[in-house]
Protein backbone atom coordinates (compact mmCIF):
# COMPACT_ATOMS: atom_id res chain seq x y z
CA MET A 1 -8.28 -10.11 -25.22
CA GLY A 2 -5.62 -7.42 -23.88
CA LYS A 3 -1.98 -8.00 -24.43
CA MET A 4 -0.21 -10.27 -21.89
CA ILE A 5 2.02 -8.15 -19.88
CA ARG A 6 4.67 -10.18 -17.80
CA MET A 7 6.81 -8.70 -15.01
CA LYS A 8 10.32 -9.89 -14.76
CA ARG A 9 13.35 -8.96 -12.20
CA LEU A 10 16.30 -8.00 -14.01
CA GLY A 11 20.00 -7.93 -13.18
CA GLU A 12 23.40 -6.61 -14.61
CA ALA A 13 23.28 -8.99 -17.61
CA ASP A 14 20.22 -7.04 -18.69
CA PHE A 15 21.60 -3.46 -18.42
CA LEU A 16 22.66 -3.01 -22.05
CA LYS A 17 19.42 -4.19 -23.39
CA VAL A 18 17.36 -1.76 -20.92
CA ILE A 19 19.72 1.13 -21.59
CA SER A 20 19.10 0.70 -25.40
CA LEU A 21 15.31 0.90 -24.65
CA SER A 22 15.74 3.87 -22.23
CA LEU A 23 17.80 5.74 -24.89
CA SER A 24 15.09 5.26 -27.43
CA ILE A 25 12.36 6.64 -24.85
CA PHE A 26 14.40 9.58 -23.40
CA LYS A 27 16.24 10.61 -26.52
CA PRO A 28 18.88 12.57 -24.73
CA GLU A 29 20.40 15.47 -26.65
CA LYS A 30 23.58 14.74 -28.73
CA GLY A 31 26.65 16.33 -27.59
CA LYS A 32 25.32 16.70 -24.02
CA GLU A 33 26.41 14.72 -20.94
CA ASP A 34 23.84 12.09 -20.06
CA PRO A 35 24.39 10.58 -16.80
CA TYR A 36 21.37 8.42 -17.01
CA HIS A 37 22.75 6.17 -19.68
CA GLN A 38 26.21 5.44 -18.63
CA LEU A 39 26.77 1.78 -17.68
CA LYS A 40 29.07 2.80 -14.65
CA LYS A 41 26.36 4.71 -13.13
CA TRP A 42 23.80 1.76 -13.54
CA LYS A 43 26.30 -0.49 -11.83
CA LYS A 44 26.95 2.06 -9.10
CA ASN A 45 23.08 2.64 -8.51
CA PHE A 46 22.52 -1.23 -8.89
CA LYS A 47 25.04 -2.01 -5.68
CA LYS A 48 22.83 0.29 -3.56
CA GLU A 49 20.17 -2.42 -3.14
CA GLY A 50 19.37 -1.96 -6.62
CA LEU A 51 15.83 -3.17 -8.27
CA LEU A 52 15.39 -3.57 -11.98
CA ILE A 53 11.86 -4.80 -13.17
CA GLY A 54 11.19 -5.40 -16.71
CA ALA A 55 7.86 -5.53 -18.33
CA PHE A 56 7.61 -7.98 -21.35
CA VAL A 57 4.84 -8.24 -24.01
CA ASN A 58 5.41 -11.31 -26.18
CA ASP A 59 8.99 -11.60 -24.79
CA GLU A 60 9.83 -8.03 -25.96
CA LEU A 61 11.04 -5.53 -23.39
CA ALA A 62 8.00 -3.11 -23.04
CA GLY A 63 8.99 -1.11 -19.94
CA TYR A 64 11.15 -0.91 -17.06
CA LEU A 65 11.70 0.63 -13.52
CA PHE A 66 15.14 0.82 -12.02
CA CYS A 67 15.25 1.78 -8.28
CA TYR A 68 17.90 1.95 -5.72
CA GLU A 69 17.82 2.53 -1.62
CA LYS A 70 17.74 6.12 -0.86
CA ASP A 71 17.46 5.87 2.89
CA SER A 72 18.38 2.55 4.58
CA ARG A 73 17.37 3.93 8.15
CA GLN A 74 13.93 5.24 6.91
CA LYS A 75 13.66 2.31 4.35
CA VAL A 76 12.88 4.38 1.43
CA ILE A 77 13.83 3.48 -1.94
CA HIS A 78 14.09 5.87 -4.81
CA CYS A 79 12.87 5.21 -8.50
CA TRP A 80 15.71 6.64 -10.50
CA LEU A 81 14.66 5.80 -14.05
CA ALA A 82 11.55 4.35 -15.65
CA GLY A 83 9.87 4.31 -19.02
CA THR A 84 7.65 2.51 -21.48
CA ALA A 85 8.34 1.97 -25.26
CA GLU A 86 6.26 4.10 -27.31
CA LYS A 87 4.20 1.43 -28.97
CA TYR A 88 3.18 0.04 -25.52
CA ARG A 89 2.22 3.56 -23.86
CA ARG A 90 -1.46 3.61 -22.76
CA GLN A 91 -1.85 -0.05 -22.29
CA GLY A 92 -1.21 -0.39 -18.54
CA VAL A 93 2.76 -1.34 -18.66
CA PHE A 94 3.72 1.42 -16.22
CA LYS A 95 0.89 0.62 -13.97
CA ARG A 96 1.75 -3.05 -13.71
CA LEU A 97 5.34 -2.06 -13.10
CA MET A 98 4.48 0.31 -10.00
CA MET A 99 2.24 -2.42 -8.77
CA GLU A 100 5.04 -5.09 -8.88
CA LEU A 101 7.51 -2.74 -7.48
CA THR A 102 5.05 -1.84 -4.52
CA ARG A 103 4.42 -5.54 -3.88
CA ILE A 104 8.35 -6.22 -3.64
CA LEU A 105 9.06 -3.08 -1.78
CA LYS A 106 6.24 -3.98 0.93
CA LYS A 107 7.46 -7.50 1.11
CA ARG A 108 11.11 -6.26 1.74
CA GLY A 109 9.79 -3.88 4.41
CA TYR A 110 10.16 -0.53 2.61
CA LYS A 111 8.07 2.47 4.20
CA GLY A 112 8.24 4.65 1.13
CA LEU A 113 9.08 5.49 -2.55
CA THR A 114 10.44 8.60 -4.10
CA ILE A 115 10.41 9.50 -7.76
CA ASN A 116 11.13 12.66 -9.73
CA THR A 117 9.72 13.99 -12.97
CA TYR A 118 9.35 16.95 -15.26
CA PRO A 119 5.76 17.75 -16.05
CA GLU A 120 6.63 19.61 -19.19
CA LYS A 121 8.69 16.93 -20.43
CA PHE A 122 6.65 14.06 -19.06
CA PRO A 123 3.13 14.97 -18.78
CA ALA A 124 1.88 11.31 -18.55
CA MET A 125 4.36 10.39 -15.71
CA TYR A 126 3.21 13.79 -13.71
CA ALA A 127 -0.50 12.69 -14.42
CA TYR A 128 0.13 9.01 -13.06
CA LEU A 129 1.94 10.28 -9.89
CA THR A 130 -0.52 12.75 -8.87
CA LYS A 131 -3.41 10.25 -9.58
CA HIS A 132 -1.91 7.59 -7.72
CA GLY A 133 -1.16 8.83 -4.25
CA PHE A 134 2.27 10.52 -4.67
CA ARG A 135 2.99 13.80 -3.04
CA LYS A 136 5.08 16.63 -4.11
CA TYR A 137 7.65 17.52 -1.42
CA LYS A 138 10.10 19.57 -3.57
CA GLU A 139 10.50 21.59 -6.69
CA LYS A 140 13.63 22.83 -8.51
CA LYS A 141 13.95 25.02 -11.62
CA LYS A 142 16.16 23.50 -14.22
CA ASP A 143 17.14 24.68 -17.64
CA TRP A 144 15.96 22.64 -20.53
CA GLN A 145 16.85 23.61 -24.16
CA GLY A 146 17.17 27.19 -23.31
CA ARG A 147 13.97 27.51 -20.91
CA GLU A 148 13.36 27.01 -17.29
CA ILE A 149 11.19 24.16 -16.46
CA SER A 150 10.21 22.48 -13.08
CA LYS A 151 11.56 19.27 -11.70
CA LEU A 152 9.23 17.79 -9.19
CA PHE A 153 10.13 15.65 -6.31
CA PHE A 154 7.50 13.20 -5.18
CA LYS A 155 6.94 10.68 -2.49
CA LYS A 156 4.55 7.99 -1.45
CA ARG A 157 4.43 6.18 1.91
CA PHE A 158 3.47 2.61 2.30
CA ASP A 159 2.08 2.55 5.85
């Protein structure tokens, strides 16, 4: 039998635990500004109808999704950060997180979800998005470790 993956809505009290997991996943470069793992930024984004979902395997945080409302008029939410601990990858954790997120968003009346990724840095995320109905709507070139890479912007409509 496979591992039991349990979904749980998380809040501000869980930020430090989730940030710790996120740092272990993304491994930001030392000395470089890292806007993604500052507690102040998490609190600010959470105030924008923030939604933080954790995936747990045997009570251990295995992955997470952090979203906030991007456009209240169009009812669109943005998945700002997401990740799965290395030892739980390729076990359906992220897929379960996205299923739970979609369920919650539809229940709340959201019409769409946006998410960005770097295919060169996160090929599994890129593969997931293109396989599961997300459509690319924009691309930006970014400098990463001295070379130019693409940041892709995706969206998915629920209607």
